Amino acid sequence: MIKKITLLVCLIVSSALFSQKMITRSGEIKFEASMPAFEEVAAKNNTVSCLFDAATGDIAVLALIKGFRFKVPLMEEHFNENYIESDQYPKATFKGKVTNFDASKVASVKSTYDVEGDLTVHGVTKKVKTKITFVQSGTKLIATCKFMVKPIDYNIKIPSVVKSKIADTVEIDLKFDLEKKS
């Protein structure tokens, strides 16, 4: 009897938790494009917005390009002015869907799902398909994701003078602590 009541309470709490859209405005995106034996080419943006609708699996992410911070200020300046041209292309977006998301299966253990959608960077939109992991942490739903992109696919030109110092493929890591939208 106690097990049935506990299960019922867990189902009610999880359905109430996921009955609304989840959001964050302080998500994190990191990217790494370093080459061995050269200066680190990496940045982090801690002001990324993410909206996730657990009922439909729809997910949307918005990152302002000028929010990326590098260890070396000159590298940040070159990134914004010469490579990504952030005045002309001020944001990166992802709009997609988490397939077969099941809120009742998300608990304090990781649950992994496929996510597919359109990534727009530098004015170019490409399909991206990867895995996304969710784990429940108190009232928050923690979402993490990792995927690779090629700057050339997004018309980001790397000058030949530094081409050997920047990876052809960039690793992107995302982390969102999602909370119920009020």
C-alpha atoms as a PDB file:
ATOM      1  CA  MET A   1       0.000   0.000   0.000  1.00  0.00           C
ATOM      2  CA  ILE A   2       2.785   2.447   0.907  1.00  0.00           C
ATOM      3  CA  LYS A   3       4.550   1.637  -2.385  1.00  0.00           C
ATOM      4  CA  LYS A   4       1.376   2.451  -4.328  1.00  0.00           C
ATOM      5  CA  ILE A   5       0.944   5.774  -2.512  1.00  0.00           C
ATOM      6  CA  THR A   6       4.603   6.659  -3.066  1.00  0.00           C
ATOM      7  CA  LEU A   7       4.312   5.815  -6.765  1.00  0.00           C
ATOM      8  CA  LEU A   8       1.131   7.894  -7.064  1.00  0.00           C
ATOM      9  CA  VAL A   9       2.768  10.878  -5.344  1.00  0.00           C
ATOM     10  CA  CYS A  10       5.823  10.579  -7.651  1.00  0.00           C
ATOM     11  CA  LEU A  11       3.587  10.477 -10.736  1.00  0.00           C
ATOM     12  CA  ILE A  12       1.570  13.498  -9.593  1.00  0.00           C
ATOM     13  CA  VAL A  13       4.713  15.500  -8.762  1.00  0.00           C
ATOM     14  CA  SER A  14       6.424  14.609 -12.049  1.00  0.00           C
ATOM     15  CA  SER A  15       3.329  15.377 -14.126  1.00  0.00           C
ATOM     16  CA  ALA A  16       2.872  18.699 -12.323  1.00  0.00           C
ATOM     17  CA  LEU A  17       6.545  19.501 -12.805  1.00  0.00           C
ATOM     18  CA  PHE A  18       6.399  18.837 -16.530  1.00  0.00           C
ATOM     19  CA  SER A  19       2.940  20.191 -17.227  1.00  0.00           C
ATOM     20  CA  GLN A  20       4.435  23.587 -18.006  1.00  0.00           C
ATOM     21  CA  LYS A  21       7.206  24.867 -20.163  1.00  0.00           C
ATOM     22  CA  MET A  22      10.692  24.892 -18.690  1.00  0.00           C
ATOM     23  CA  ILE A  23      13.072  27.828 -19.164  1.00  0.00           C
ATOM     24  CA  THR A  24      16.463  29.268 -18.301  1.00  0.00           C
ATOM     25  CA  ARG A  25      18.176  32.520 -19.155  1.00  0.00           C
ATOM     26  CA  SER A  26      21.483  31.488 -17.636  1.00  0.00           C
ATOM     27  CA  GLY A  27      22.319  28.427 -19.674  1.00  0.00           C
ATOM     28  CA  GLU A  28      25.879  27.652 -20.649  1.00  0.00           C
ATOM     29  CA  ILE A  29      27.501  26.967 -23.997  1.00  0.00           C
ATOM     30  CA  LYS A  30      31.196  26.140 -24.239  1.00  0.00           C
ATOM     31  CA  PHE A  31      33.126  25.566 -27.402  1.00  0.00           C
ATOM     32  CA  GLU A  32      36.570  24.139 -27.960  1.00  0.00           C
ATOM     33  CA  ALA A  33      38.548  24.460 -31.197  1.00  0.00           C
ATOM     34  CA  SER A  34      42.082  24.038 -29.869  1.00  0.00           C
ATOM     35  CA  MET A  35      44.924  22.291 -31.623  1.00  0.00           C
ATOM     36  CA  PRO A  36      47.709  20.498 -29.727  1.00  0.00           C
ATOM     37  CA  ALA A  37      50.839  22.578 -29.057  1.00  0.00           C
ATOM     38  CA  PHE A  38      49.044  25.864 -29.751  1.00  0.00           C
ATOM     39  CA  GLU A  39      47.198  28.425 -27.644  1.00  0.00           C
ATOM     40  CA  GLU A  40      43.795  27.310 -26.348  1.00  0.00           C
ATOM     41  CA  VAL A  41      40.904  28.300 -28.593  1.00  0.00           C
ATOM     42  CA  ALA A  42      37.902  28.010 -26.287  1.00  0.00           C
ATOM     43  CA  ALA A  43      35.093  30.188 -25.014  1.00  0.00           C
ATOM     44  CA  LYS A  44      32.117  30.107 -22.682  1.00  0.00           C
ATOM     45  CA  ASN A  45      28.783  31.918 -22.718  1.00  0.00           C
ATOM     46  CA  ASN A  46      26.739  31.854 -19.461  1.00  0.00           C
ATOM     47  CA  THR A  47      23.811  33.958 -20.661  1.00  0.00           C
ATOM     48  CA  VAL A  48      22.119  31.507 -23.016  1.00  0.00           C
ATOM     49  CA  SER A  49      18.330  31.220 -23.068  1.00  0.00           C
ATOM     50  CA  CYS A  50      16.593  27.881 -23.501  1.00  0.00           C
ATOM     51  CA  LEU A  51      12.896  27.051 -23.608  1.00  0.00           C
ATOM     52  CA  PHE A  52      11.794  23.408 -23.421  1.00  0.00           C
ATOM     53  CA  ASP A  53       8.222  22.183 -23.714  1.00  0.00           C
ATOM     54  CA  ALA A  54       8.158  18.765 -22.045  1.00  0.00           C
ATOM     55  CA  ALA A  55       4.668  18.046 -23.400  1.00  0.00           C
ATOM     56  CA  THR A  56       5.699  18.379 -27.060  1.00  0.00           C
ATOM     57  CA  GLY A  57       9.481  17.941 -26.916  1.00  0.00           C
ATOM     58  CA  ASP A  58       9.999  21.314 -28.605  1.00  0.00           C
ATOM     59  CA  ILE A  59      13.240  23.039 -27.641  1.00  0.00           C
ATOM     60  CA  ALA A  60      14.596  26.472 -28.570  1.00  0.00           C
ATOM     61  CA  VAL A  61      17.972  27.973 -27.689  1.00  0.00           C
ATOM     62  CA  LEU A  62      19.263  31.529 -28.173  1.00  0.00           C
ATOM     63  CA  ALA A  63      22.861  32.651 -27.601  1.00  0.00           C
ATOM     64  CA  LEU A  64      24.099  36.178 -28.160  1.00  0.00           C
ATOM     65  CA  ILE A  65      27.475  35.869 -29.857  1.00  0.00           C
ATOM     66  CA  LYS A  66      29.062  38.732 -27.918  1.00  0.00           C
ATOM     67  CA  GLY A  67      28.340  36.761 -24.741  1.00  0.00           C
ATOM     68  CA  PHE A  68      31.211  34.334 -25.452  1.00  0.00           C
ATOM     69  CA  ARG A  69      34.214  34.957 -23.216  1.00  0.00           C
ATOM     70  CA  PHE A  70      37.772  33.861 -23.997  1.00  0.00           C
ATOM     71  CA  LYS A  71      40.794  33.741 -21.689  1.00  0.00           C
ATOM     72  CA  VAL A  72      42.629  36.059 -24.082  1.00  0.00           C
ATOM     73  CA  PRO A  73      40.806  39.350 -24.822  1.00  0.00           C
ATOM     74  CA  LEU A  74      42.485  39.721 -28.220  1.00  0.00           C
ATOM     75  CA  MET A  75      41.168  36.301 -29.249  1.00  0.00           C
ATOM     76  CA  GLU A  76      37.661  37.416 -28.241  1.00  0.00           C
ATOM     77  CA  GLU A  77      38.031  40.548 -30.349  1.00  0.00           C
ATOM     78  CA  HIS A  78      39.196  38.559 -33.389  1.00  0.00           C
ATOM     79  CA  PHE A  79      36.373  36.053 -32.892  1.00  0.00           C
ATOM     80  CA  ASN A  80      33.724  38.802 -32.904  1.00  0.00           C
ATOM     81  CA  GLU A  81      35.187  41.038 -35.606  1.00  0.00           C
ATOM     82  CA  ASN A  82      36.964  38.717 -38.047  1.00  0.00           C
ATOM     83  CA  TYR A  83      35.472  35.225 -37.779  1.00  0.00           C
ATOM     84  CA  ILE A  84      31.879  35.235 -36.557  1.00  0.00           C
ATOM     85  CA  GLU A  85      31.195  38.906 -37.448  1.00  0.00           C
ATOM     86  CA  SER A  86      28.930  39.386 -34.438  1.00  0.00           C
ATOM     87  CA  ASP A  87      27.785  42.883 -35.437  1.00  0.00           C
ATOM     88  CA  GLN A  88      26.296  41.414 -38.604  1.00  0.00           C
ATOM     89  CA  TYR A  89      25.280  38.043 -37.068  1.00  0.00           C
ATOM     90  CA  PRO A  90      24.556  38.847 -33.404  1.00  0.00           C
ATOM     91  CA  LYS A  91      22.968  35.554 -32.345  1.00  0.00           C
ATOM     92  CA  ALA A  92      23.061  31.802 -32.756  1.00  0.00           C
ATOM     93  CA  THR A  93      19.824  29.809 -32.470  1.00  0.00           C
ATOM     94  CA  PHE A  94      18.679  26.233 -32.319  1.00  0.00           C
ATOM     95  CA  LYS A  95      15.057  25.195 -32.871  1.00  0.00           C
ATOM     96  CA  GLY A  96      14.284  21.526 -32.657  1.00  0.00           C
ATOM     97  CA  LYS A  97      12.534  18.619 -31.069  1.00  0.00           C
ATOM     98  CA  VAL A  98      13.478  16.042 -28.458  1.00  0.00           C
ATOM     99  CA  THR A  99      12.002  12.814 -29.792  1.00  0.00           C
ATOM    100  CA  ASN A 100       9.980  10.503 -27.563  1.00  0.00           C
ATOM    101  CA  PHE A 101      10.557  12.590 -24.438  1.00  0.00           C
ATOM    102  CA  ASP A 102       8.804  10.981 -21.479  1.00  0.00           C
ATOM    103  CA  ALA A 103       8.672  13.130 -18.349  1.00  0.00           C
ATOM    104  CA  SER A 104       7.654  10.145 -16.216  1.00  0.00           C
ATOM    105  CA  LYS A 105      10.989   8.435 -16.991  1.00  0.00           C
ATOM    106  CA  VAL A 106      13.140  11.393 -15.959  1.00  0.00           C
ATOM    107  CA  ALA A 107      14.384  11.053 -12.407  1.00  0.00           C
ATOM    108  CA  SER A 108      17.634  11.584 -10.555  1.00  0.00           C
ATOM    109  CA  VAL A 109      19.271   9.196 -13.036  1.00  0.00           C
ATOM    110  CA  LYS A 110      20.186  10.320 -16.526  1.00  0.00           C
ATOM    111  CA  SER A 111      17.733   9.792 -19.375  1.00  0.00           C
ATOM    112  CA  THR A 112      19.063  10.243 -22.904  1.00  0.00           C
ATOM    113  CA  TYR A 113      17.009  11.140 -25.972  1.00  0.00           C
ATOM    114  CA  ASP A 114      17.575  12.070 -29.596  1.00  0.00           C
ATOM    115  CA  VAL A 115      17.306  15.752 -30.435  1.00  0.00           C
ATOM    116  CA  GLU A 116      17.140  17.120 -33.954  1.00  0.00           C
ATOM    117  CA  GLY A 117      16.669  20.594 -35.320  1.00  0.00           C
ATOM    118  CA  ASP A 118      18.020  23.635 -37.111  1.00  0.00           C
ATOM    119  CA  LEU A 119      21.167  25.354 -35.890  1.00  0.00           C
ATOM    120  CA  THR A 120      21.682  28.875 -37.232  1.00  0.00           C
ATOM    121  CA  VAL A 121      25.131  30.441 -36.866  1.00  0.00           C
ATOM    122  CA  HIS A 122      26.695  33.240 -38.919  1.00  0.00           C
ATOM    123  CA  GLY A 123      23.489  33.517 -40.974  1.00  0.00           C
ATOM    124  CA  VAL A 124      23.623  29.857 -42.090  1.00  0.00           C
ATOM    125  CA  THR A 125      21.113  27.214 -40.990  1.00  0.00           C
ATOM    126  CA  LYS A 126      22.025  23.512 -40.912  1.00  0.00           C
ATOM    127  CA  LYS A 127      20.308  20.403 -39.555  1.00  0.00           C
ATOM    128  CA  VAL A 128      21.863  19.003 -36.389  1.00  0.00           C
ATOM    129  CA  LYS A 129      21.096  15.635 -34.832  1.00  0.00           C
ATOM    130  CA  THR A 130      22.611  14.514 -31.537  1.00  0.00           C
ATOM    131  CA  LYS A 131      21.755  13.184 -28.071  1.00  0.00           C
ATOM    132  CA  ILE A 132      20.476  15.202 -25.120  1.00  0.00           C
ATOM    133  CA  THR A 133      20.548  14.021 -21.529  1.00  0.00           C
ATOM    134  CA  PHE A 134      18.087  15.049 -18.828  1.00  0.00           C
ATOM    135  CA  VAL A 135      18.346  14.514 -15.081  1.00  0.00           C
ATOM    136  CA  GLN A 136      16.004  15.763 -12.362  1.00  0.00           C
ATOM    137  CA  SER A 137      17.640  17.815  -9.592  1.00  0.00           C
ATOM    138  CA  GLY A 138      15.081  19.072  -7.092  1.00  0.00           C
ATOM    139  CA  THR A 139      12.711  21.356  -8.978  1.00  0.00           C
ATOM    140  CA  LYS A 140      15.137  21.780 -11.876  1.00  0.00           C
ATOM    141  CA  LEU A 141      15.532  19.703 -14.997  1.00  0.00           C
ATOM    142  CA  ILE A 142      19.197  19.628 -16.011  1.00  0.00           C
ATOM    143  CA  ALA A 143      19.754  19.220 -19.767  1.00  0.00           C
ATOM    144  CA  THR A 144      23.187  18.536 -21.260  1.00  0.00           C
ATOM    145  CA  CYS A 145      24.216  18.041 -24.856  1.00  0.00           C
ATOM    146  CA  LYS A 146      27.402  17.775 -26.891  1.00  0.00           C
ATOM    147  CA  PHE A 147      27.918  17.925 -30.650  1.00  0.00           C
ATOM    148  CA  MET A 148      30.446  18.896 -33.299  1.00  0.00           C
ATOM    149  CA  VAL A 149      30.272  21.538 -36.040  1.00  0.00           C
ATOM    150  CA  LYS A 150      32.603  22.644 -38.794  1.00  0.00           C
ATOM    151  CA  PRO A 151      33.114  26.414 -39.170  1.00  0.00           C
ATOM    152  CA  ILE A 152      33.338  26.000 -42.949  1.00  0.00           C
ATOM    153  CA  ASP A 153      29.742  24.634 -42.957  1.00  0.00           C
ATOM    154  CA  TYR A 154      28.586  27.987 -41.554  1.00  0.00           C
ATOM    155  CA  ASN A 155      30.658  30.141 -43.923  1.00  0.00           C
ATOM    156  CA  ILE A 156      33.060  31.055 -41.138  1.00  0.00           C
ATOM    157  CA  LYS A 157      36.376  31.719 -42.820  1.00  0.00           C
ATOM    158  CA  ILE A 158      39.569  31.088 -40.887  1.00  0.00           C
ATOM    159  CA  PRO A 159      42.540  33.092 -42.266  1.00  0.00           C
ATOM    160  CA  SER A 160      45.374  30.908 -43.573  1.00  0.00           C
ATOM    161  CA  VAL A 161      47.839  32.527 -41.161  1.00  0.00           C
ATOM    162  CA  VAL A 162      46.027  30.930 -38.143  1.00  0.00           C
ATOM    163  CA  LYS A 163      44.298  27.981 -39.859  1.00  0.00           C
ATOM    164  CA  SER A 164      46.758  25.431 -38.440  1.00  0.00           C
ATOM    165  CA  LYS A 165      46.053  26.724 -34.899  1.00  0.00           C
ATOM    166  CA  ILE A 166      42.276  26.216 -35.024  1.00  0.00           C
ATOM    167  CA  ALA A 167      40.561  22.827 -35.290  1.00  0.00           C
ATOM    168  CA  ASP A 168      38.524  22.023 -38.411  1.00  0.00           C
ATOM    169  CA  THR A 169      35.799  20.659 -36.134  1.00  0.00           C
ATOM    170  CA  VAL A 170      34.552  22.548 -33.071  1.00  0.00           C
ATOM    171  CA  GLU A 171      33.164  20.741 -30.032  1.00  0.00           C
ATOM    172  CA  ILE A 172      30.061  22.398 -28.558  1.00  0.00           C
ATOM    173  CA  ASP A 173      28.901  21.615 -24.986  1.00  0.00           C
ATOM    174  CA  LEU A 174      25.585  22.858 -23.624  1.00  0.00           C
ATOM    175  CA  LYS A 175      24.131  22.803 -20.116  1.00  0.00           C
ATOM    176  CA  PHE A 176      20.754  24.177 -19.094  1.00  0.00           C
ATOM    177  CA  ASP A 177      19.235  24.211 -15.592  1.00  0.00           C
ATOM    178  CA  LEU A 178      15.601  24.441 -16.620  1.00  0.00           C
ATOM    179  CA  GLU A 179      12.849  25.607 -14.272  1.00  0.00           C
ATOM    180  CA  LYS A 180       9.091  25.838 -14.653  1.00  0.00           C
ATOM    181  CA  LYS A 181       8.059  28.922 -16.548  1.00  0.00           C
ATOM    182  CA  SER A 182       5.867  31.120 -14.377  1.00  0.00           C
END
